[in-house]
């Protein structure tokens, strides 16, 4: 009788351990509920010529994004990109003026940002490796400020945007040639947080 009772206790203990272990699966990440975005279609710019071509490899992972972004903010950025948000606009050599192509991308970005008034944006200015560190930091700031000003003119609250210049310190391409330099002359936009206002 004691032997039979011991077998039942052992079986119950084993089932309890197996059930407890099987219930510890991680809950899958869900999309943030506040990304209920409706966008408007922006017509393509009338001019078909531009002096700045976006990089050929559009699938590259941008190395400038803060690896310390929360999982929530990473999901927000991925979802906005899926909806047409362009994280990068490009500049000609030694320029901080926006091209027609850049204005088109920023118009679409502004629609998404206005629909999500709680999201805060960081605009990073980047340069290629030519020029002094001080010059490139100043040029990167002018590029980031040009993007901020244009988004502000389209109705995005300037209090939701901050600019940051990395100069030539965070290149996405490190070859010493024009095809690489053109990828590094950019303003990079990333959602970095939410406001407390609703």
Protein backbone atom coordinates (compact mmCIF):
# COMPACT_ATOMS: atom_id res chain seq x y z
CA UNK A 1 0.00 0.00 0.00
CA UNK A 2 2.84 2.37 0.89
CA UNK A 3 4.57 1.52 -2.38
CA UNK A 4 1.42 2.33 -4.39
CA UNK A 5 0.95 5.65 -2.55
CA UNK A 6 4.61 6.58 -3.23
CA UNK A 7 4.12 5.92 -6.97
CA UNK A 8 1.04 8.23 -7.01
CA UNK A 9 2.92 11.00 -5.19
CA UNK A 10 5.87 10.73 -7.60
CA UNK A 11 3.53 10.78 -10.63
CA UNK A 12 1.70 13.84 -9.29
CA UNK A 13 5.01 15.63 -8.61
CA UNK A 14 6.26 14.82 -12.12
CA UNK A 15 3.03 16.11 -13.72
CA UNK A 16 3.21 19.31 -11.65
CA UNK A 17 6.81 19.93 -12.77
CA UNK A 18 5.99 19.30 -16.44
CA UNK A 19 2.91 21.54 -16.35
CA UNK A 20 4.81 24.35 -14.60
CA UNK A 21 7.69 24.19 -17.10
CA UNK A 22 5.35 24.22 -20.10
CA UNK A 23 3.60 27.41 -18.94
CA UNK A 24 6.69 29.64 -18.92
CA UNK A 25 6.69 30.43 -22.63
CA UNK A 26 7.41 34.08 -23.43
CA UNK A 27 4.43 36.11 -24.56
CA UNK A 28 4.94 37.22 -28.19
CA UNK A 29 5.52 40.92 -28.79
CA UNK A 30 2.40 42.76 -29.88
CA UNK A 31 2.19 45.90 -31.92
CA UNK A 32 1.56 49.07 -29.93
CA UNK A 33 -2.14 49.86 -29.90
CA UNK A 34 -1.67 53.58 -30.57
CA UNK A 35 -0.41 53.20 -34.14
CA UNK A 36 -3.80 53.59 -35.76
CA UNK A 37 -2.43 55.61 -38.69
CA UNK A 38 -4.19 56.85 -41.80
CA UNK A 39 -1.98 58.52 -44.39
CA UNK A 40 -2.63 60.60 -47.45
CA UNK A 41 -0.98 59.96 -50.76
CA UNK A 42 1.65 62.51 -51.66
CA UNK A 43 2.03 63.03 -55.42
CA UNK A 44 5.54 62.51 -56.76
CA UNK A 45 7.60 65.67 -57.27
CA UNK A 46 7.17 67.30 -60.67
CA UNK A 47 10.90 67.32 -61.29
CA UNK A 48 12.32 63.94 -62.24
CA UNK A 49 15.95 64.96 -61.94
CA UNK A 50 17.83 64.98 -58.68
CA UNK A 51 21.48 65.24 -57.85
CA UNK A 52 21.20 62.82 -54.93
CA UNK A 53 20.50 59.14 -55.48
CA UNK A 54 19.48 56.98 -52.53
CA UNK A 55 21.75 54.01 -51.88
CA UNK A 56 21.15 50.93 -53.99
CA UNK A 57 20.96 48.57 -51.00
CA UNK A 58 17.66 49.50 -49.39
CA UNK A 59 17.61 46.36 -47.23
CA UNK A 60 20.64 47.26 -45.13
CA UNK A 61 20.21 47.59 -41.39
CA UNK A 62 20.98 51.15 -40.35
CA UNK A 63 23.88 51.04 -37.92
CA UNK A 64 23.21 54.48 -36.50
CA UNK A 65 20.07 53.62 -34.58
CA UNK A 66 20.48 53.50 -30.85
CA UNK A 67 20.80 49.81 -29.90
CA UNK A 68 19.33 50.78 -26.51
CA UNK A 69 15.92 51.66 -27.99
CA UNK A 70 13.23 49.82 -26.06
CA UNK A 71 11.53 46.91 -27.75
CA UNK A 72 8.37 49.03 -27.86
CA UNK A 73 10.16 51.82 -29.78
CA UNK A 74 11.75 49.31 -32.15
CA UNK A 75 8.28 47.96 -32.96
CA UNK A 76 6.95 51.50 -33.46
CA UNK A 77 9.78 52.31 -35.92
CA UNK A 78 9.29 49.05 -37.83
CA UNK A 79 5.53 49.62 -38.09
CA UNK A 80 5.94 53.22 -39.32
CA UNK A 81 8.43 52.06 -41.96
CA UNK A 82 5.95 49.41 -43.06
CA UNK A 83 3.41 52.22 -43.51
CA UNK A 84 5.76 54.28 -45.70
CA UNK A 85 7.91 56.24 -43.24
CA UNK A 86 11.32 57.00 -44.80
CA UNK A 87 14.06 56.92 -42.17
CA UNK A 88 16.66 58.61 -44.40
CA UNK A 89 16.91 61.55 -46.77
CA UNK A 90 20.12 62.23 -48.68
CA UNK A 91 22.17 65.31 -49.52
CA UNK A 92 24.60 66.39 -52.21
CA UNK A 93 28.26 66.87 -51.31
CA UNK A 94 28.79 69.75 -48.88
CA UNK A 95 25.05 70.64 -49.02
CA UNK A 96 22.26 70.90 -46.49
CA UNK A 97 19.51 71.91 -48.96
CA UNK A 98 16.64 69.44 -49.38
CA UNK A 99 16.03 67.94 -52.83
CA UNK A 100 12.59 67.38 -54.40
CA UNK A 101 12.92 63.67 -53.59
CA UNK A 102 13.67 64.47 -49.94
CA UNK A 103 10.67 66.82 -49.70
CA UNK A 104 8.39 64.07 -51.05
CA UNK A 105 9.64 61.60 -48.45
CA UNK A 106 9.34 64.16 -45.66
CA UNK A 107 5.76 64.98 -46.70
CA UNK A 108 4.79 61.33 -46.25
CA UNK A 109 6.66 61.26 -42.92
CA UNK A 110 4.82 64.38 -41.78
CA UNK A 111 1.43 62.75 -42.47
CA UNK A 112 2.39 59.78 -40.32
CA UNK A 113 3.82 61.95 -37.54
CA UNK A 114 0.78 64.25 -37.44
CA UNK A 115 -1.49 61.20 -37.13
CA UNK A 116 0.60 60.07 -34.14
CA UNK A 117 0.92 63.25 -32.11
CA UNK A 118 2.41 61.49 -29.09
CA UNK A 119 5.52 60.19 -30.89
CA UNK A 120 8.82 62.06 -30.50
CA UNK A 121 11.36 62.13 -33.32
CA UNK A 122 15.15 62.36 -33.24
CA UNK A 123 16.77 63.63 -36.45
CA UNK A 124 20.43 62.70 -36.85
CA UNK A 125 22.71 64.61 -39.23
CA UNK A 126 25.48 62.60 -40.93
CA UNK A 127 28.33 63.40 -43.35
CA UNK A 128 30.87 61.53 -45.41
CA UNK A 129 34.46 61.26 -44.20
CA UNK A 130 35.81 64.27 -46.10
CA UNK A 131 36.35 67.48 -44.14
CA UNK A 132 37.44 68.14 -40.58
CA UNK A 133 35.56 66.72 -37.63
CA UNK A 134 34.39 70.21 -36.57
CA UNK A 135 33.18 71.08 -40.07
CA UNK A 136 31.29 67.80 -40.45
CA UNK A 137 29.61 68.18 -37.07
CA UNK A 138 28.37 71.63 -38.11
CA UNK A 139 27.24 70.34 -41.54
CA UNK A 140 25.45 67.41 -39.91
CA UNK A 141 23.60 69.84 -37.62
CA UNK A 142 22.56 71.97 -40.63
CA UNK A 143 21.21 68.87 -42.37
CA UNK A 144 19.23 67.75 -39.32
CA UNK A 145 17.92 71.28 -38.81
CA UNK A 146 16.80 71.50 -42.45
CA UNK A 147 14.72 68.35 -41.98
CA UNK A 148 13.28 69.62 -38.68
CA UNK A 149 12.35 72.97 -40.24
CA UNK A 150 10.65 71.35 -43.21
CA UNK A 151 8.68 68.89 -41.05
CA UNK A 152 7.70 71.85 -38.84
CA UNK A 153 6.46 73.77 -41.88
CA UNK A 154 4.23 70.77 -42.69
CA UNK A 155 2.59 70.89 -39.26
CA UNK A 156 4.72 68.56 -37.12
CA UNK A 157 5.24 70.17 -33.70
CA UNK A 158 8.83 71.33 -33.31
CA UNK A 159 8.65 70.47 -29.60
CA UNK A 160 8.36 66.82 -30.62
CA UNK A 161 11.62 66.86 -32.61
CA UNK A 162 15.23 67.06 -31.52
CA UNK A 163 18.33 67.26 -33.71
CA UNK A 164 21.65 65.57 -33.19
CA UNK A 165 24.79 65.69 -35.34
CA UNK A 166 27.21 62.80 -35.63
CA UNK A 167 29.27 64.39 -38.39
CA UNK A 168 31.24 61.58 -40.03
CA UNK A 169 31.46 59.45 -36.87
CA UNK A 170 28.73 56.90 -37.72
CA UNK A 171 29.00 55.92 -41.39
CA UNK A 172 26.75 53.20 -42.80
CA UNK A 173 29.34 52.48 -45.51
CA UNK A 174 33.11 52.61 -44.99
CA UNK A 175 34.59 52.32 -48.49
CA UNK A 176 36.56 55.39 -49.65
CA UNK A 177 34.55 56.13 -52.81
CA UNK A 178 31.59 58.20 -53.96
CA UNK A 179 29.09 55.31 -53.98
CA UNK A 180 29.75 54.93 -50.26
CA UNK A 181 30.06 58.62 -49.41
CA UNK A 182 26.63 59.29 -50.94
CA UNK A 183 25.07 56.85 -48.46
CA UNK A 184 26.67 58.66 -45.52
CA UNK A 185 25.47 62.17 -46.51
CA UNK A 186 22.06 61.95 -44.90
CA UNK A 187 19.63 62.87 -42.17
CA UNK A 188 18.37 59.81 -40.32
CA UNK A 189 15.01 59.90 -38.50
CA UNK A 190 14.06 57.59 -35.66
CA UNK A 191 11.17 57.56 -33.17
CA UNK A 192 12.77 57.63 -29.72
CA UNK A 193 9.85 58.08 -27.33
CA UNK A 194 6.34 59.28 -26.53
CA UNK A 195 5.07 62.44 -24.95
CA UNK A 196 2.90 62.28 -21.83
CA UNK A 197 0.29 64.47 -23.48
CA UNK A 198 -2.47 62.80 -25.30
